[in-house]
Amino acid sequence: MDGKVLALAGGTGGAKLALGLARILPTEQLVIVVNTGDDECFHGLHVSPDLDTIMYTLAGLVNQETGWGLSGDTFNALDMLRKYDVDTWFNLGDNDLATHVRRTQLLRQGLSLSQVTEELCRRLGVEHQVLPMSDQPVRTVLTTDIGDLPMQTYFVRHRSKPKVSSIAYVGAESAEVAPQFAAAIADADIIVFCPSNPYLSVGPILAVPGVRENLAKIRSTQLRVAVSPIVGGAAIKGPAAKIMAELGHEVSCVGVAQTYQGICDVFVIDEQDAHLAPDIQRMGLKPLVAPTIMNTEADKITLAGRILQLKGN
């Protein structure tokens, strides 16, 4: 296709489809906007887990076994911090730490998170444009049976075990859409919601004032496509299914589709869920049944290609 594509992403599932799109599209045709509700300060450093996962994936540096972090990284700095009796529940590799050191340095020099991300990507050879959803801090906080927990505390420290009763995006009300993000929404021919957790990865992006509103009133020539992260009633990875159940939502691709009503035209479901296509159709969304489990790079490219072909249909 010849038009521009905007991908909204977070987590490992988002990174996989982002890579597939990047393998097909030239740099000027793809913008990837990433969730920053996970951002946290560790050891005095600004850590942006989702931005880093996307950046490392596109740079060919990501740890393929985990889907996050750097391949072949070591953890000597954390071992030394433990000797100083520092809490090190959040795993940061030695090479990964360098990214957070440099990000923090640049932010302290007065650069915006968008500018910092552009510089880090450039240094790693990432040519496609990667943007944070906002240059202002937004923090995903989960209300659980053991108290309010920031995203990383819930997900990493407590391994997603606490029961979730609600989710808030603290600071979203005063955040602003990153300038290049706003332009990308207006310019995109296809807007793709990657198969990311709808509450922890896409939810923070949609919580930034103006994002959902702009996605709801796009031009008639624009196409909005979402890919379900739930396959066969289970999450491919992470706590999406668990959170859906605890919040009282149907744990299926249909339950995910409900979160995208009003801002989505085509909803992509896996072949395992083909029997649910009529339910998607009744919600006013066009279902697309396709293989959505991306184990190999070929899988990622194939799914990206199926999505891009929709603009020609």
C-alpha atoms as a PDB file:
ATOM      1  CA  MET A   1       0.000   0.000   0.000  1.00  0.00           C
ATOM      2  CA  ASP A   2       1.048   3.599  -0.568  1.00  0.00           C
ATOM      3  CA  GLY A   3      -0.633   5.315   2.399  1.00  0.00           C
ATOM      4  CA  LYS A   4       0.575   6.047   5.915  1.00  0.00           C
ATOM      5  CA  VAL A   5       0.085   3.743   8.891  1.00  0.00           C
ATOM      6  CA  LEU A   6      -0.155   4.597  12.580  1.00  0.00           C
ATOM      7  CA  ALA A   7       0.359   1.703  15.000  1.00  0.00           C
ATOM      8  CA  LEU A   8      -0.600   1.980  18.673  1.00  0.00           C
ATOM      9  CA  ALA A   9       1.416  -0.477  20.702  1.00  0.00           C
ATOM     10  CA  GLY A  10       2.652  -1.683  24.048  1.00  0.00           C
ATOM     11  CA  GLY A  11       4.066  -4.908  25.440  1.00  0.00           C
ATOM     12  CA  THR A  12       5.485  -7.871  23.571  1.00  0.00           C
ATOM     13  CA  GLY A  13       2.420  -8.435  21.382  1.00  0.00           C
ATOM     14  CA  GLY A  14       2.513  -4.848  20.222  1.00  0.00           C
ATOM     15  CA  ALA A  15       6.220  -5.094  19.490  1.00  0.00           C
ATOM     16  CA  LYS A  16       5.726  -8.208  17.364  1.00  0.00           C
ATOM     17  CA  LEU A  17       3.176  -6.622  15.048  1.00  0.00           C
ATOM     18  CA  ALA A  18       5.135  -3.362  14.973  1.00  0.00           C
ATOM     19  CA  LEU A  19       8.107  -5.338  13.678  1.00  0.00           C
ATOM     20  CA  GLY A  20       5.963  -6.986  11.015  1.00  0.00           C
ATOM     21  CA  LEU A  21       4.718  -3.591   9.835  1.00  0.00           C
ATOM     22  CA  ALA A  22       8.256  -2.191   9.864  1.00  0.00           C
ATOM     23  CA  ARG A  23       9.487  -5.054   7.702  1.00  0.00           C
ATOM     24  CA  ILE A  24       6.924  -4.158   5.028  1.00  0.00           C
ATOM     25  CA  LEU A  25       6.612  -0.384   5.186  1.00  0.00           C
ATOM     26  CA  PRO A  26       9.286   2.206   4.388  1.00  0.00           C
ATOM     27  CA  THR A  27      10.223   4.631   7.143  1.00  0.00           C
ATOM     28  CA  GLU A  28       8.096   7.507   5.880  1.00  0.00           C
ATOM     29  CA  GLN A  29       4.924   5.407   5.919  1.00  0.00           C
ATOM     30  CA  LEU A  30       4.923   4.095   9.499  1.00  0.00           C
ATOM     31  CA  VAL A  31       4.617   5.813  12.871  1.00  0.00           C
ATOM     32  CA  ILE A  32       4.545   3.719  16.058  1.00  0.00           C
ATOM     33  CA  VAL A  33       3.046   5.339  19.149  1.00  0.00           C
ATOM     34  CA  VAL A  34       3.846   3.567  22.398  1.00  0.00           C
ATOM     35  CA  ASN A  35       2.274   3.354  25.840  1.00  0.00           C
ATOM     36  CA  THR A  36       4.181   5.124  28.620  1.00  0.00           C
ATOM     37  CA  GLY A  37       1.780   4.356  31.467  1.00  0.00           C
ATOM     38  CA  ASP A  38       4.339   1.742  32.588  1.00  0.00           C
ATOM     39  CA  ASP A  39       7.151   4.276  32.967  1.00  0.00           C
ATOM     40  CA  GLU A  40       8.804   4.201  36.364  1.00  0.00           C
ATOM     41  CA  CYS A  41      11.863   5.479  38.202  1.00  0.00           C
ATOM     42  CA  PHE A  42      14.299   2.774  39.304  1.00  0.00           C
ATOM     43  CA  HIS A  43      17.608   3.567  41.007  1.00  0.00           C
ATOM     44  CA  GLY A  44      17.152   7.226  40.045  1.00  0.00           C
ATOM     45  CA  LEU A  45      16.725   6.391  36.361  1.00  0.00           C
ATOM     46  CA  HIS A  46      13.738   6.966  34.062  1.00  0.00           C
ATOM     47  CA  VAL A  47      12.723   3.555  32.690  1.00  0.00           C
ATOM     48  CA  SER A  48      10.260   3.293  29.783  1.00  0.00           C
ATOM     49  CA  PRO A  49       9.621  -0.462  29.451  1.00  0.00           C
ATOM     50  CA  ASP A  50       7.276  -0.407  26.456  1.00  0.00           C
ATOM     51  CA  LEU A  51       9.297   2.155  24.525  1.00  0.00           C
ATOM     52  CA  ASP A  52      12.402   0.062  25.136  1.00  0.00           C
ATOM     53  CA  THR A  53      10.719  -3.173  24.036  1.00  0.00           C
ATOM     54  CA  ILE A  54       9.620  -1.574  20.757  1.00  0.00           C
ATOM     55  CA  MET A  55      12.994   0.081  20.255  1.00  0.00           C
ATOM     56  CA  TYR A  56      15.029  -3.058  20.984  1.00  0.00           C
ATOM     57  CA  THR A  57      12.726  -5.177  18.802  1.00  0.00           C
ATOM     58  CA  LEU A  58      13.070  -2.879  15.796  1.00  0.00           C
ATOM     59  CA  ALA A  59      16.825  -2.656  16.347  1.00  0.00           C
ATOM     60  CA  GLY A  60      17.151  -6.465  16.345  1.00  0.00           C
ATOM     61  CA  LEU A  61      18.526  -6.406  19.882  1.00  0.00           C
ATOM     62  CA  VAL A  62      15.622  -7.759  21.932  1.00  0.00           C
ATOM     63  CA  ASN A  63      15.891 -10.921  24.008  1.00  0.00           C
ATOM     64  CA  GLN A  64      13.904 -13.347  21.852  1.00  0.00           C
ATOM     65  CA  GLU A  65      13.150 -15.688  24.749  1.00  0.00           C
ATOM     66  CA  THR A  66      11.485 -13.092  26.961  1.00  0.00           C
ATOM     67  CA  GLY A  67      10.338 -10.578  24.339  1.00  0.00           C
ATOM     68  CA  TRP A  68      11.822  -7.752  26.433  1.00  0.00           C
ATOM     69  CA  GLY A  69      15.287  -6.671  27.524  1.00  0.00           C
ATOM     70  CA  LEU A  70      18.471  -7.085  25.515  1.00  0.00           C
ATOM     71  CA  SER A  71      19.761 -10.311  24.082  1.00  0.00           C
ATOM     72  CA  GLY A  72      22.805 -11.648  25.916  1.00  0.00           C
ATOM     73  CA  ASP A  73      22.591  -9.051  28.684  1.00  0.00           C
ATOM     74  CA  THR A  74      24.288  -9.600  32.039  1.00  0.00           C
ATOM     75  CA  PHE A  75      23.158  -8.481  35.493  1.00  0.00           C
ATOM     76  CA  ASN A  76      26.355  -7.605  37.339  1.00  0.00           C
ATOM     77  CA  ALA A  77      25.157  -4.144  38.366  1.00  0.00           C
ATOM     78  CA  LEU A  78      22.066  -5.610  40.042  1.00  0.00           C
ATOM     79  CA  ASP A  79      24.240  -8.172  41.818  1.00  0.00           C
ATOM     80  CA  MET A  80      26.366  -5.334  43.188  1.00  0.00           C
ATOM     81  CA  LEU A  81      23.303  -3.335  44.220  1.00  0.00           C
ATOM     82  CA  ARG A  82      22.110  -6.343  46.219  1.00  0.00           C
ATOM     83  CA  LYS A  83      25.403  -6.276  48.130  1.00  0.00           C
ATOM     84  CA  TYR A  84      24.439  -2.745  49.146  1.00  0.00           C
ATOM     85  CA  ASP A  85      21.055  -4.084  50.334  1.00  0.00           C
ATOM     86  CA  VAL A  86      19.148  -2.341  47.523  1.00  0.00           C
ATOM     87  CA  ASP A  87      15.812  -3.822  46.453  1.00  0.00           C
ATOM     88  CA  THR A  88      16.250  -5.152  42.919  1.00  0.00           C
ATOM     89  CA  TRP A  89      12.906  -6.789  42.128  1.00  0.00           C
ATOM     90  CA  PHE A  90      12.767  -5.032  38.760  1.00  0.00           C
ATOM     91  CA  ASN A  91      15.254  -6.745  36.464  1.00  0.00           C
ATOM     92  CA  LEU A  92      17.578  -4.352  34.623  1.00  0.00           C
ATOM     93  CA  GLY A  93      20.479  -5.748  32.646  1.00  0.00           C
ATOM     94  CA  ASP A  94      23.846  -4.025  32.432  1.00  0.00           C
ATOM     95  CA  ASN A  95      23.458  -2.935  28.810  1.00  0.00           C
ATOM     96  CA  ASP A  96      19.815  -2.057  29.423  1.00  0.00           C
ATOM     97  CA  LEU A  97      20.911   0.228  32.261  1.00  0.00           C
ATOM     98  CA  ALA A  98      22.920   2.262  29.763  1.00  0.00           C
ATOM     99  CA  THR A  99      19.694   3.095  27.912  1.00  0.00           C
ATOM    100  CA  HIS A 100      18.070   4.348  31.111  1.00  0.00           C
ATOM    101  CA  VAL A 101      21.163   6.326  32.107  1.00  0.00           C
ATOM    102  CA  ARG A 102      21.212   8.076  28.733  1.00  0.00           C
ATOM    103  CA  ARG A 103      17.437   8.690  28.733  1.00  0.00           C
ATOM    104  CA  THR A 104      17.652  10.238  32.191  1.00  0.00           C
ATOM    105  CA  GLN A 105      20.614  12.424  31.196  1.00  0.00           C
ATOM    106  CA  LEU A 106      18.790  13.780  28.149  1.00  0.00           C
ATOM    107  CA  LEU A 107      15.559  14.401  30.056  1.00  0.00           C
ATOM    108  CA  ARG A 108      17.504  16.336  32.695  1.00  0.00           C
ATOM    109  CA  GLN A 109      19.003  18.437  29.910  1.00  0.00           C
ATOM    110  CA  GLY A 110      15.481  19.588  29.083  1.00  0.00           C
ATOM    111  CA  LEU A 111      14.656  17.377  26.103  1.00  0.00           C
ATOM    112  CA  SER A 112      11.132  15.995  25.842  1.00  0.00           C
ATOM    113  CA  LEU A 113      10.514  12.258  25.984  1.00  0.00           C
ATOM    114  CA  SER A 114       9.692  12.383  22.256  1.00  0.00           C
ATOM    115  CA  GLN A 115      13.032  14.013  21.502  1.00  0.00           C
ATOM    116  CA  VAL A 116      14.887  11.579  23.748  1.00  0.00           C
ATOM    117  CA  THR A 117      13.204   8.587  22.106  1.00  0.00           C
ATOM    118  CA  GLU A 118      14.122   9.892  18.665  1.00  0.00           C
ATOM    119  CA  GLU A 119      17.769  10.223  19.724  1.00  0.00           C
ATOM    120  CA  LEU A 120      17.939   6.760  21.291  1.00  0.00           C
ATOM    121  CA  CYS A 121      16.340   5.180  18.226  1.00  0.00           C
ATOM    122  CA  ARG A 122      18.732   7.000  15.916  1.00  0.00           C
ATOM    123  CA  ARG A 123      21.742   5.738  17.864  1.00  0.00           C
ATOM    124  CA  LEU A 124      20.428   2.161  17.703  1.00  0.00           C
ATOM    125  CA  GLY A 125      19.729   2.338  13.981  1.00  0.00           C
ATOM    126  CA  VAL A 126      15.939   2.320  14.296  1.00  0.00           C
ATOM    127  CA  GLU A 127      14.742   4.242  11.253  1.00  0.00           C
ATOM    128  CA  HIS A 128      10.960   4.074  11.700  1.00  0.00           C
ATOM    129  CA  GLN A 129       9.453   6.779  13.864  1.00  0.00           C
ATOM    130  CA  VAL A 130       8.743   5.681  17.431  1.00  0.00           C
ATOM    131  CA  LEU A 131       6.873   8.087  19.711  1.00  0.00           C
ATOM    132  CA  PRO A 132       5.635   8.109  23.299  1.00  0.00           C
ATOM    133  CA  MET A 133       1.900   8.738  23.628  1.00  0.00           C
ATOM    134  CA  SER A 134       2.645  11.902  25.614  1.00  0.00           C
ATOM    135  CA  ASP A 135       5.615  13.897  26.823  1.00  0.00           C
ATOM    136  CA  GLN A 136       3.903  14.320  30.193  1.00  0.00           C
ATOM    137  CA  PRO A 137       3.845  11.512  32.773  1.00  0.00           C
ATOM    138  CA  VAL A 138       0.816   9.217  32.921  1.00  0.00           C
ATOM    139  CA  ARG A 139       0.875   6.397  35.452  1.00  0.00           C
ATOM    140  CA  THR A 140      -1.228   3.253  35.239  1.00  0.00           C
ATOM    141  CA  VAL A 141      -2.357   2.355  38.757  1.00  0.00           C
ATOM    142  CA  LEU A 142      -4.380  -0.754  39.556  1.00  0.00           C
ATOM    143  CA  THR A 143      -6.696  -0.910  42.558  1.00  0.00           C
ATOM    144  CA  THR A 144      -6.287  -4.419  43.970  1.00  0.00           C
ATOM    145  CA  ASP A 145      -7.153  -6.471  47.013  1.00  0.00           C
ATOM    146  CA  ILE A 146      -3.786  -5.531  48.535  1.00  0.00           C
ATOM    147  CA  GLY A 147      -4.014  -1.820  47.710  1.00  0.00           C
ATOM    148  CA  ASP A 148      -3.263   0.542  44.836  1.00  0.00           C
ATOM    149  CA  LEU A 149      -0.320  -0.710  42.774  1.00  0.00           C
ATOM    150  CA  PRO A 150       1.580   1.027  39.972  1.00  0.00           C
ATOM    151  CA  MET A 151       1.732  -1.132  36.866  1.00  0.00           C
ATOM    152  CA  GLN A 152       5.276  -2.477  37.318  1.00  0.00           C
ATOM    153  CA  THR A 153       4.704  -3.226  40.994  1.00  0.00           C
ATOM    154  CA  TYR A 154       1.586  -5.207  40.101  1.00  0.00           C
ATOM    155  CA  PHE A 155       3.029  -6.929  37.041  1.00  0.00           C
ATOM    156  CA  VAL A 156       6.626  -7.639  38.056  1.00  0.00           C
ATOM    157  CA  ARG A 157       6.885  -7.489  41.842  1.00  0.00           C
ATOM    158  CA  HIS A 158       3.569  -9.238  42.501  1.00  0.00           C
ATOM    159  CA  ARG A 159       3.515 -11.256  39.250  1.00  0.00           C
ATOM    160  CA  SER A 160      -0.041 -10.066  38.433  1.00  0.00           C
ATOM    161  CA  LYS A 161      -1.433 -12.135  41.319  1.00  0.00           C
ATOM    162  CA  PRO A 162      -3.491  -9.487  43.210  1.00  0.00           C
ATOM    163  CA  LYS A 163      -7.165  -9.261  42.256  1.00  0.00           C
ATOM    164  CA  VAL A 164      -7.915  -6.096  40.256  1.00  0.00           C
ATOM    165  CA  SER A 165     -11.095  -4.100  40.875  1.00  0.00           C
ATOM    166  CA  SER A 166     -10.355  -0.953  38.840  1.00  0.00           C
ATOM    167  CA  ILE A 167      -7.644   0.777  36.831  1.00  0.00           C
ATOM    168  CA  ALA A 168      -6.747   4.470  36.794  1.00  0.00           C
ATOM    169  CA  TYR A 169      -4.455   6.435  34.505  1.00  0.00           C
ATOM    170  CA  VAL A 170      -3.068   8.960  36.937  1.00  0.00           C
ATOM    171  CA  GLY A 171      -2.020  12.241  35.335  1.00  0.00           C
ATOM    172  CA  ALA A 172      -3.799  11.549  32.057  1.00  0.00           C
ATOM    173  CA  GLU A 173      -6.242  14.406  32.581  1.00  0.00           C
ATOM    174  CA  SER A 174      -3.417  16.949  32.459  1.00  0.00           C
ATOM    175  CA  ALA A 175      -1.292  15.204  29.832  1.00  0.00           C
ATOM    176  CA  GLU A 176      -1.147  16.316  26.212  1.00  0.00           C
ATOM    177  CA  VAL A 177      -0.949  14.224  23.085  1.00  0.00           C
ATOM    178  CA  ALA A 178       2.624  14.189  21.792  1.00  0.00           C
ATOM    179  CA  PRO A 179       2.608  16.697  18.871  1.00  0.00           C
ATOM    180  CA  GLN A 180       3.761  14.185  16.263  1.00  0.00           C
ATOM    181  CA  PHE A 181       1.177  11.691  17.543  1.00  0.00           C
ATOM    182  CA  ALA A 182      -1.660  14.148  16.878  1.00  0.00           C
ATOM    183  CA  ALA A 183      -0.336  14.735  13.371  1.00  0.00           C
ATOM    184  CA  ALA A 184      -0.040  10.987  12.760  1.00  0.00           C
ATOM    185  CA  ILE A 185      -3.712  10.417  13.624  1.00  0.00           C
ATOM    186  CA  ALA A 186      -4.728  13.031  11.071  1.00  0.00           C
ATOM    187  CA  ASP A 187      -2.351  11.746   8.369  1.00  0.00           C
ATOM    188  CA  ALA A 188      -2.798   7.983   8.724  1.00  0.00           C
ATOM    189  CA  ASP A 189      -4.653   5.967   6.114  1.00  0.00           C
ATOM    190  CA  ILE A 190      -4.720   2.970   8.470  1.00  0.00           C
ATOM    191  CA  ILE A 191      -4.679   3.119  12.264  1.00  0.00           C
ATOM    192  CA  VAL A 192      -3.697  -0.209  13.821  1.00  0.00           C
ATOM    193  CA  PHE A 193      -4.364  -1.193  17.423  1.00  0.00           C
ATOM    194  CA  CYS A 194      -1.708  -3.855  17.950  1.00  0.00           C
ATOM    195  CA  PRO A 195      -2.551  -7.015  19.966  1.00  0.00           C
ATOM    196  CA  SER A 196      -1.642  -5.330  23.230  1.00  0.00           C
ATOM    197  CA  ASN A 197      -3.361  -5.529  26.609  1.00  0.00           C
ATOM    198  CA  PRO A 198      -6.464  -3.310  26.187  1.00  0.00           C
ATOM    199  CA  TYR A 199      -6.275  -2.082  29.788  1.00  0.00           C
ATOM    200  CA  LEU A 200      -2.552  -1.830  30.522  1.00  0.00           C
ATOM    201  CA  SER A 201      -1.124  -0.962  27.096  1.00  0.00           C
ATOM    202  CA  VAL A 202      -3.825   0.606  24.911  1.00  0.00           C
ATOM    203  CA  GLY A 203      -5.953   2.031  27.737  1.00  0.00           C
ATOM    204  CA  PRO A 204      -3.332   4.596  28.824  1.00  0.00           C
ATOM    205  CA  ILE A 205      -2.946   5.824  25.238  1.00  0.00           C
ATOM    206  CA  LEU A 206      -6.699   6.292  24.873  1.00  0.00           C
ATOM    207  CA  ALA A 207      -6.836   8.076  28.250  1.00  0.00           C
ATOM    208  CA  VAL A 208      -4.748  11.005  27.006  1.00  0.00           C
ATOM    209  CA  PRO A 209      -7.236  13.824  26.304  1.00  0.00           C
ATOM    210  CA  GLY A 210      -8.158  14.073  22.644  1.00  0.00           C
ATOM    211  CA  VAL A 211      -6.899  10.668  21.533  1.00  0.00           C
ATOM    212  CA  ARG A 212     -10.155   8.703  21.714  1.00  0.00           C
ATOM    213  CA  GLU A 213     -12.083  11.711  20.432  1.00  0.00           C
ATOM    214  CA  ASN A 214      -9.813  12.094  17.407  1.00  0.00           C
ATOM    215  CA  LEU A 215      -9.930   8.368  16.682  1.00  0.00           C
ATOM    216  CA  ALA A 216     -13.734   8.483  16.810  1.00  0.00           C
ATOM    217  CA  LYS A 217     -14.075  11.262  14.237  1.00  0.00           C
ATOM    218  CA  ILE A 218     -11.573  10.298  11.566  1.00  0.00           C
ATOM    219  CA  ARG A 219     -12.084  10.825   7.833  1.00  0.00           C
ATOM    220  CA  SER A 220     -14.252   8.371   5.933  1.00  0.00           C
ATOM    221  CA  THR A 221     -11.180   7.341   3.929  1.00  0.00           C
ATOM    222  CA  GLN A 222      -9.285   6.255   7.043  1.00  0.00           C
ATOM    223  CA  LEU A 223      -9.467   2.684   8.319  1.00  0.00           C
ATOM    224  CA  ARG A 224      -9.158   1.620  11.958  1.00  0.00           C
ATOM    225  CA  VAL A 225      -8.076  -1.964  12.629  1.00  0.00           C
ATOM    226  CA  ALA A 226      -7.668  -3.699  16.001  1.00  0.00           C
ATOM    227  CA  VAL A 227      -6.100  -7.102  16.647  1.00  0.00           C
ATOM    228  CA  SER A 228      -7.328  -9.172  19.582  1.00  0.00           C
ATOM    229  CA  PRO A 229      -4.720 -10.203  22.169  1.00  0.00           C
ATOM    230  CA  ILE A 230      -7.142 -12.845  23.426  1.00  0.00           C
ATOM    231  CA  VAL A 231      -7.163 -16.132  21.487  1.00  0.00           C
ATOM    232  CA  GLY A 232      -9.332 -19.088  22.441  1.00  0.00           C
ATOM    233  CA  GLY A 233     -10.410 -17.382  25.649  1.00  0.00           C
ATOM    234  CA  ALA A 234      -6.850 -16.867  26.896  1.00  0.00           C
ATOM    235  CA  ALA A 235      -4.143 -14.235  26.615  1.00  0.00           C
ATOM    236  CA  ILE A 236      -1.172 -15.062  24.420  1.00  0.00           C
ATOM    237  CA  LYS A 237       1.010 -13.565  27.141  1.00  0.00           C
ATOM    238  CA  GLY A 238       0.442 -11.498  30.257  1.00  0.00           C
ATOM    239  CA  PRO A 239      -2.532 -10.837  32.549  1.00  0.00           C
ATOM    240  CA  ALA A 240      -5.100  -9.500  30.048  1.00  0.00           C
ATOM    241  CA  ALA A 241      -7.503 -12.439  30.461  1.00  0.00           C
ATOM    242  CA  LYS A 242      -7.194 -12.410  34.257  1.00  0.00           C
ATOM    243  CA  ILE A 243      -7.895  -8.675  34.442  1.00  0.00           C
ATOM    244  CA  MET A 244     -10.840  -8.957  32.050  1.00  0.00           C
ATOM    245  CA  ALA A 245     -12.450 -11.592  34.265  1.00  0.00           C
ATOM    246  CA  GLU A 246     -11.816  -9.637  37.468  1.00  0.00           C
ATOM    247  CA  LEU A 247     -13.344  -6.494  35.957  1.00  0.00           C
ATOM    248  CA  GLY A 248     -16.424  -8.465  34.953  1.00  0.00           C
ATOM    249  CA  HIS A 249     -15.839  -8.569  31.200  1.00  0.00           C
ATOM    250  CA  GLU A 250     -16.258 -11.542  28.908  1.00  0.00           C
ATOM    251  CA  VAL A 251     -12.867 -13.217  28.470  1.00  0.00           C
ATOM    252  CA  SER A 252     -12.862 -13.587  24.705  1.00  0.00           C
ATOM    253  CA  CYS A 253     -12.076 -11.659  21.559  1.00  0.00           C
ATOM    254  CA  VAL A 254     -15.678 -10.377  21.795  1.00  0.00           C
ATOM    255  CA  GLY A 255     -14.923  -8.886  25.200  1.00  0.00           C
ATOM    256  CA  VAL A 256     -11.887  -7.125  23.753  1.00  0.00           C
ATOM    257  CA  ALA A 257     -13.875  -5.864  20.766  1.00  0.00           C
ATOM    258  CA  GLN A 258     -16.307  -4.169  23.133  1.00  0.00           C
ATOM    259  CA  THR A 259     -13.481  -1.925  24.373  1.00  0.00           C
ATOM    260  CA  TYR A 260     -12.875  -0.701  20.810  1.00  0.00           C
ATOM    261  CA  GLN A 261     -16.456   0.073  19.807  1.00  0.00           C
ATOM    262  CA  GLY A 262     -16.706   3.537  18.283  1.00  0.00           C
ATOM    263  CA  ILE A 263     -13.025   3.743  17.400  1.00  0.00           C
ATOM    264  CA  CYS A 264     -12.564   0.607  15.271  1.00  0.00           C
ATOM    265  CA  ASP A 265     -13.838  -0.555  11.879  1.00  0.00           C
ATOM    266  CA  VAL A 266     -12.217  -3.983  11.444  1.00  0.00           C
ATOM    267  CA  PHE A 267     -11.515  -6.373  14.304  1.00  0.00           C
ATOM    268  CA  VAL A 268      -8.994  -9.136  13.674  1.00  0.00           C
ATOM    269  CA  ILE A 269      -9.552 -12.453  15.462  1.00  0.00           C
ATOM    270  CA  ASP A 270      -7.588 -15.676  15.343  1.00  0.00           C
ATOM    271  CA  GLU A 271      -8.705 -18.725  13.381  1.00  0.00           C
ATOM    272  CA  GLN A 272      -9.449 -20.464  16.697  1.00  0.00           C
ATOM    273  CA  ASP A 273     -12.175 -17.873  17.289  1.00  0.00           C
ATOM    274  CA  ALA A 274     -13.728 -17.964  13.817  1.00  0.00           C
ATOM    275  CA  HIS A 275     -17.047 -19.086  15.313  1.00  0.00           C
ATOM    276  CA  LEU A 276     -17.252 -15.723  17.139  1.00  0.00           C
ATOM    277  CA  ALA A 277     -17.095 -13.686  13.927  1.00  0.00           C
ATOM    278  CA  PRO A 278     -20.908 -13.243  13.827  1.00  0.00           C
ATOM    279  CA  ASP A 279     -20.790 -11.751  17.350  1.00  0.00           C
ATOM    280  CA  ILE A 280     -18.179  -9.248  16.195  1.00  0.00           C
ATOM    281  CA  GLN A 281     -20.328  -8.425  13.171  1.00  0.00           C
ATOM    282  CA  ARG A 282     -23.361  -7.750  15.371  1.00  0.00           C
ATOM    283  CA  MET A 283     -21.327  -5.170  17.287  1.00  0.00           C
ATOM    284  CA  GLY A 284     -20.950  -3.126  14.109  1.00  0.00           C
ATOM    285  CA  LEU A 285     -17.368  -4.214  13.458  1.00  0.00           C
ATOM    286  CA  LYS A 286     -16.160  -6.086  10.409  1.00  0.00           C
ATOM    287  CA  PRO A 287     -14.457  -9.311  11.546  1.00  0.00           C
ATOM    288  CA  LEU A 288     -11.273 -10.517   9.878  1.00  0.00           C
ATOM    289  CA  VAL A 289     -10.271 -14.092  10.685  1.00  0.00           C
ATOM    290  CA  ALA A 290      -6.516 -14.611  10.347  1.00  0.00           C
ATOM    291  CA  PRO A 291      -3.600 -16.343  12.109  1.00  0.00           C
ATOM    292  CA  THR A 292      -2.702 -13.903  14.893  1.00  0.00           C
ATOM    293  CA  ILE A 293      -0.198 -15.924  16.942  1.00  0.00           C
ATOM    294  CA  MET A 294       3.209 -14.567  15.942  1.00  0.00           C
ATOM    295  CA  ASN A 295       5.918 -17.071  16.838  1.00  0.00           C
ATOM    296  CA  THR A 296       8.262 -16.283  13.945  1.00  0.00           C
ATOM    297  CA  GLU A 297       9.218 -13.190  12.009  1.00  0.00           C
ATOM    298  CA  ALA A 298       7.362 -14.641   9.024  1.00  0.00           C
ATOM    299  CA  ASP A 299       4.211 -14.802  11.194  1.00  0.00           C
ATOM    300  CA  LYS A 300       4.604 -11.136  12.090  1.00  0.00           C
ATOM    301  CA  ILE A 301       5.076 -10.079   8.485  1.00  0.00           C
ATOM    302  CA  THR A 302       2.141 -12.211   7.312  1.00  0.00           C
ATOM    303  CA  LEU A 303      -0.269 -10.694   9.835  1.00  0.00           C
ATOM    304  CA  ALA A 304       0.961  -7.184   9.065  1.00  0.00           C
ATOM    305  CA  GLY A 305       0.441  -7.874   5.364  1.00  0.00           C
ATOM    306  CA  ARG A 306      -3.131  -9.079   5.904  1.00  0.00           C
ATOM    307  CA  ILE A 307      -3.921  -5.850   7.754  1.00  0.00           C
ATOM    308  CA  LEU A 308      -2.356  -3.639   5.093  1.00  0.00           C
ATOM    309  CA  GLN A 309      -4.286  -5.431   2.367  1.00  0.00           C
ATOM    310  CA  LEU A 310      -7.539  -4.260   3.963  1.00  0.00           C
ATOM    311  CA  LYS A 311      -7.062  -0.771   2.550  1.00  0.00           C
ATOM    312  CA  GLY A 312      -7.259  -2.147  -0.944  1.00  0.00           C
ATOM    313  CA  ASN A 313     -10.492  -4.039  -0.263  1.00  0.00           C
END
